[in-house]
Protein backbone atom coordinates (compact mmCIF):
# COMPACT_ATOMS: atom_id res chain seq x y z
CA MET A 1 1.13 28.88 10.90
CA PRO A 2 4.43 26.90 11.17
CA SER A 3 6.73 26.83 8.22
CA ALA A 4 8.41 23.87 6.60
CA ALA A 5 11.80 23.51 7.52
CA PRO A 6 14.43 24.78 4.56
CA GLU A 7 15.38 21.54 3.57
CA PHE A 8 12.16 20.09 2.72
CA ARG A 9 11.44 20.30 -0.89
CA TYR A 10 7.43 20.44 -0.32
CA ARG A 11 5.86 22.38 2.05
CA ARG A 12 2.39 20.69 1.78
CA VAL A 13 1.89 17.18 0.84
CA LEU A 14 -0.75 14.18 0.53
CA LEU A 15 0.57 10.93 1.68
CA LYS A 16 -0.88 7.99 0.06
CA VAL A 17 -0.42 4.55 1.67
CA SER A 18 -1.96 1.40 0.45
CA GLY A 19 -3.75 -0.71 3.14
CA GLU A 20 -1.60 -3.56 2.58
CA VAL A 21 1.21 -1.71 3.76
CA LEU A 22 -0.68 -1.67 7.29
CA MET A 23 -0.72 -5.38 7.28
CA GLY A 24 3.00 -5.61 8.23
CA ASP A 25 3.59 -9.41 7.66
CA GLN A 26 0.08 -10.34 8.42
CA GLY A 27 -2.12 -12.03 5.41
CA TYR A 28 -4.65 -9.32 6.37
CA GLY A 29 -5.87 -7.15 9.02
CA ILE A 30 -4.29 -3.99 10.60
CA ASP A 31 -0.66 -4.36 12.39
CA MET A 32 -0.65 -2.05 14.94
CA LYS A 33 3.25 -2.13 15.13
CA THR A 34 3.41 -1.25 11.31
CA VAL A 35 0.64 1.54 11.97
CA ALA A 36 2.73 2.92 14.66
CA LYS A 37 6.01 2.85 12.43
CA VAL A 38 4.24 4.83 9.74
CA ALA A 39 2.75 7.43 12.36
CA GLU A 40 6.38 8.10 13.60
CA ALA A 41 7.40 8.81 10.24
CA VAL A 42 4.66 11.21 9.69
CA ALA A 43 4.94 12.75 13.10
CA ASP A 44 8.87 13.14 12.41
CA VAL A 45 8.21 15.46 9.25
CA ALA A 46 4.80 17.05 10.67
CA ARG A 47 6.90 18.26 13.99
CA ASP A 48 9.04 20.30 11.59
CA GLY A 49 6.36 22.31 10.09
CA VAL A 50 5.65 19.98 6.74
CA GLN A 51 1.81 20.20 6.29
CA ILE A 52 0.43 16.40 5.80
CA CYS A 53 -2.38 14.73 4.98
CA LEU A 54 -3.21 11.19 4.39
CA VAL A 55 -5.21 8.95 2.30
CA ILE A 56 -5.11 5.10 3.38
CA GLY A 57 -6.28 2.35 1.18
CA GLY A 58 -8.70 -0.39 2.50
CA GLY A 59 -7.04 -3.34 0.64
CA ASN A 60 -5.67 -4.90 4.13
CA ILE A 61 -9.37 -5.39 5.50
CA PHE A 62 -11.08 -5.85 2.24
CA ARG A 63 -9.06 -8.80 1.28
CA GLY A 64 -10.30 -10.72 4.29
CA LEU A 65 -13.83 -9.86 2.73
CA SER A 66 -13.04 -10.14 -0.85
CA ARG A 67 -14.77 -13.72 -1.00
CA ALA A 68 -17.80 -12.62 0.57
CA ALA A 69 -17.97 -9.50 -1.88
CA GLY A 70 -17.27 -11.58 -4.96
CA ASP A 71 -21.04 -12.10 -5.96
CA MET A 72 -22.04 -8.67 -4.64
CA ASP A 73 -22.99 -5.94 -7.31
CA ARG A 74 -19.57 -3.57 -7.92
CA ALA A 75 -21.33 -0.42 -5.93
CA SER A 76 -22.06 -2.52 -2.62
CA ALA A 77 -18.36 -4.09 -2.63
CA ASP A 78 -16.97 -0.43 -3.25
CA TYR A 79 -18.99 0.77 -0.39
CA MET A 80 -17.57 -2.02 1.79
CA GLY A 81 -14.12 -0.78 0.73
CA MET A 82 -15.05 2.56 1.76
CA LEU A 83 -15.68 1.54 5.21
CA ALA A 84 -12.41 -0.60 5.28
CA THR A 85 -10.67 2.99 4.90
CA VAL A 86 -12.38 4.57 7.58
CA MET A 87 -10.85 1.68 9.73
CA ASN A 88 -7.48 2.07 8.84
CA ALA A 89 -7.92 6.05 9.13
CA LEU A 90 -9.33 5.64 12.70
CA ALA A 91 -6.25 3.20 13.44
CA MET A 92 -3.65 5.87 12.03
CA GLN A 93 -5.26 8.62 14.14
CA ALA A 94 -5.15 6.35 17.15
CA ALA A 95 -1.32 5.91 16.81
CA LEU A 96 -0.76 9.50 15.71
CA GLU A 97 -2.39 10.96 18.84
CA LYS A 98 -0.62 8.45 21.16
CA ILE A 99 2.51 10.33 20.10
CA GLY A 100 1.35 13.57 20.63
CA VAL A 101 0.18 14.66 17.19
CA GLN A 102 -3.19 16.40 16.87
CA THR A 103 -5.02 14.44 14.04
CA ARG A 104 -8.43 14.83 12.26
CA VAL A 105 -10.20 12.13 10.20
CA GLN A 106 -12.48 13.53 7.66
CA SER A 107 -14.99 11.01 5.98
CA ALA A 108 -16.66 11.34 2.70
CA LEU A 109 -19.48 9.24 4.00
CA VAL A 110 -21.25 10.83 6.90
CA MET A 111 -20.79 9.25 10.10
CA ASN A 112 -20.55 11.97 12.73
CA ALA A 113 -19.67 9.53 15.55
CA VAL A 114 -16.46 8.51 14.44
CA ALA A 115 -15.22 11.34 12.05
CA GLU A 116 -15.84 14.92 10.77
CA PRO A 117 -17.49 15.15 7.22
CA TYR A 118 -15.16 16.27 4.65
CA ILE A 119 -15.36 19.90 4.13
CA ARG A 120 -12.39 21.45 2.43
CA ARG A 121 -12.29 24.87 4.27
CA ARG A 122 -12.29 23.25 7.30
CA ALA A 123 -9.28 20.47 6.36
CA LEU A 124 -7.47 23.36 5.19
CA ARG A 125 -7.77 25.23 8.20
CA HIS A 126 -6.54 21.98 10.36
CA LEU A 127 -3.43 21.90 7.95
CA GLU A 128 -2.70 25.69 8.64
CA LYS A 129 -2.93 24.72 12.54
CA GLY A 130 -0.13 22.07 11.95
CA ARG A 131 -2.93 19.15 12.28
CA VAL A 132 -2.50 15.93 10.39
CA VAL A 133 -5.85 15.35 8.17
CA ILE A 134 -6.48 11.77 7.35
CA PHE A 135 -8.97 11.64 4.46
CA ALA A 136 -11.46 8.74 4.59
CA ALA A 137 -13.89 6.86 2.42
CA GLY A 138 -12.56 7.91 -0.75
CA VAL A 139 -14.73 10.17 -2.61
CA GLY A 140 -18.09 8.83 -1.04
CA ALA A 141 -19.11 7.16 -4.09
CA PRO A 142 -18.59 3.90 -5.95
CA PHE A 143 -16.44 3.06 -8.89
CA PHE A 144 -13.67 5.46 -7.80
CA THR A 145 -10.61 4.05 -6.49
CA THR A 146 -8.48 5.43 -3.28
CA ASP A 147 -6.19 6.56 -5.79
CA SER A 148 -8.65 9.01 -7.62
CA GLY A 149 -9.54 9.91 -3.92
CA ALA A 150 -6.16 10.90 -2.98
CA ALA A 151 -5.31 12.77 -6.41
CA LEU A 152 -8.61 14.80 -6.04
CA ARG A 153 -7.94 15.44 -2.33
CA ALA A 154 -4.21 16.53 -3.17
CA ALA A 155 -5.67 19.09 -5.75
CA GLU A 156 -8.38 20.32 -3.18
CA MET A 157 -5.64 21.03 -0.72
CA GLY A 158 -3.42 22.74 -2.95
CA CYS A 159 -0.55 20.11 -2.38
CA ASP A 160 2.97 20.89 -3.55
CA ALA A 161 3.20 16.93 -4.20
CA LEU A 162 1.45 13.51 -3.79
CA LEU A 163 3.43 10.90 -2.37
CA LYS A 164 2.60 7.37 -2.88
CA GLY A 165 4.28 5.19 -0.16
CA THR A 166 4.65 1.61 -1.20
CA SER A 167 6.59 -1.33 -0.58
CA VAL A 168 9.16 -0.58 -3.25
CA ASP A 169 11.23 2.24 -3.76
CA GLY A 170 9.97 3.65 -7.08
CA VAL A 171 8.50 2.66 -10.26
CA TYR A 172 10.23 0.11 -12.14
CA THR A 173 10.14 -1.24 -15.85
CA ALA A 174 8.93 -4.35 -14.44
CA ASP A 175 7.80 -5.89 -10.90
CA PRO A 176 11.01 -6.04 -9.16
CA LYS A 177 9.93 -8.88 -6.92
CA LYS A 178 9.16 -11.15 -10.02
CA ASP A 179 11.91 -9.74 -12.44
CA ALA A 180 15.49 -9.45 -11.17
CA ALA A 181 16.47 -7.41 -14.43
CA ALA A 182 13.71 -4.70 -13.67
CA THR A 183 15.20 -1.18 -13.54
CA ARG A 184 13.93 1.67 -11.37
CA TYR A 185 13.07 5.02 -13.33
CA ASP A 186 14.29 8.32 -11.47
CA THR A 187 11.91 10.42 -13.44
CA LEU A 188 8.79 9.78 -15.51
CA THR A 189 6.36 12.16 -17.17
CA TYR A 190 3.01 11.64 -16.85
CA HIS A 191 2.46 10.93 -20.33
CA ASP A 192 5.17 8.12 -20.19
CA VAL A 193 2.98 6.27 -17.22
CA LEU A 194 0.03 6.62 -19.08
CA ALA A 195 1.41 5.75 -22.50
CA ARG A 196 3.40 2.79 -21.10
CA ASP A 197 0.47 1.65 -18.90
CA LEU A 198 2.75 1.40 -15.84
CA LYS A 199 0.86 0.35 -12.75
CA VAL A 200 1.65 3.40 -10.60
CA MET A 201 -2.10 4.75 -9.92
CA ASP A 202 -5.12 4.45 -12.45
CA ALA A 203 -5.38 6.59 -15.28
CA SER A 204 -7.99 9.10 -13.99
CA ALA A 205 -5.45 10.04 -10.88
CA ILE A 206 -2.36 10.24 -13.01
CA ALA A 207 -4.61 12.80 -15.60
CA LEU A 208 -5.97 14.92 -12.39
CA MET A 209 -2.30 15.34 -11.20
CA ARG A 210 -1.11 16.11 -14.60
CA ASP A 211 -3.75 18.97 -14.73
CA SER A 212 -3.11 20.36 -11.52
CA SER A 213 0.69 20.06 -12.27
CA ILE A 214 0.91 18.15 -8.92
CA PRO A 215 4.36 16.00 -9.05
CA ILE A 216 3.80 12.29 -7.77
CA VAL A 217 6.53 10.88 -5.97
CA VAL A 218 6.54 6.97 -5.62
CA PHE A 219 9.02 5.68 -2.74
CA SER A 220 8.99 2.64 -0.16
CA ILE A 221 7.54 3.54 3.35
CA ARG A 222 8.69 0.55 4.86
CA GLU A 223 12.33 1.62 4.93
CA GLU A 224 13.53 3.63 7.70
CA ASN A 225 13.42 7.32 7.39
CA SER A 226 12.31 6.99 4.10
CA LEU A 227 9.51 9.86 4.07
CA ARG A 228 11.92 12.42 5.31
CA ARG A 229 14.54 11.38 2.82
CA THR A 230 12.05 11.46 0.12
CA LEU A 231 10.91 15.16 1.46
CA THR A 232 14.89 16.41 1.20
CA GLY A 233 15.38 14.68 -2.06
CA GLU A 234 17.95 12.35 -0.38
CA GLY A 235 16.17 8.93 -0.84
CA THR A 236 15.56 6.62 -3.52
CA PHE A 237 12.43 7.26 -5.17
CA THR A 238 10.66 8.25 -8.50
CA VAL A 239 9.39 11.42 -9.51
CA ILE A 240 6.35 11.89 -12.04
CA GLN A 241 6.11 15.43 -13.55
CA HIS A 242 5.72 17.22 -16.54
CA ALA A 243 8.55 17.06 -18.77
CA GLU A 244 11.27 20.05 -18.28
CA THR A 245 11.78 22.22 -20.84
CA SER A 246 14.49 24.56 -21.61
CA ASP A 247 14.52 28.28 -22.11
């Protein structure tokens, strides 16, 4: 099993990327140039021994379907969203394998023609062999977000951290795109996020990471070398974890 380079703070991580990131500058859909940039960032750290798995949201595709889904019941709309995440996962797999990174897509919904079924022990084996694993279709059931799916998979894989790649470089007191006075937190506790209703991930995902003692690191996936810099502790990000206690 490849070992992580000494400078990395985490040996095994789950990277959660919102579907909107893959849109690039488009209104919706998949911008393969943006997908390729994210794939290069993942490949860069994977080649140095970091075991990495991904969960990608489906907002970039589902946004284009949202009007059609507006009159649907919630369960049907959620299943459409799950299928959108499979499309994003396949796009990312293609981008990673194009640059020589062995990748496996595992889907919580059975679709053997395009993805492996989700099997925890098989996913762990892939990671141990240095393959990138992309988890698709959430948890395979409606009423759960991809944030919850990411938290669940991070816990099941025994990850050292859940990295949330967004369009901003951390968690702010307010939306920095709308409020110039917003300030970024360097660190937060899980309790802080829940008590202040900070829009980081949904409450069930935060609670699961708290109970599993897995830190959440929020950073901007759009910035050059941001994934590597976050893993080495040199970048700009917010860490959510338990409150530090003194002896």
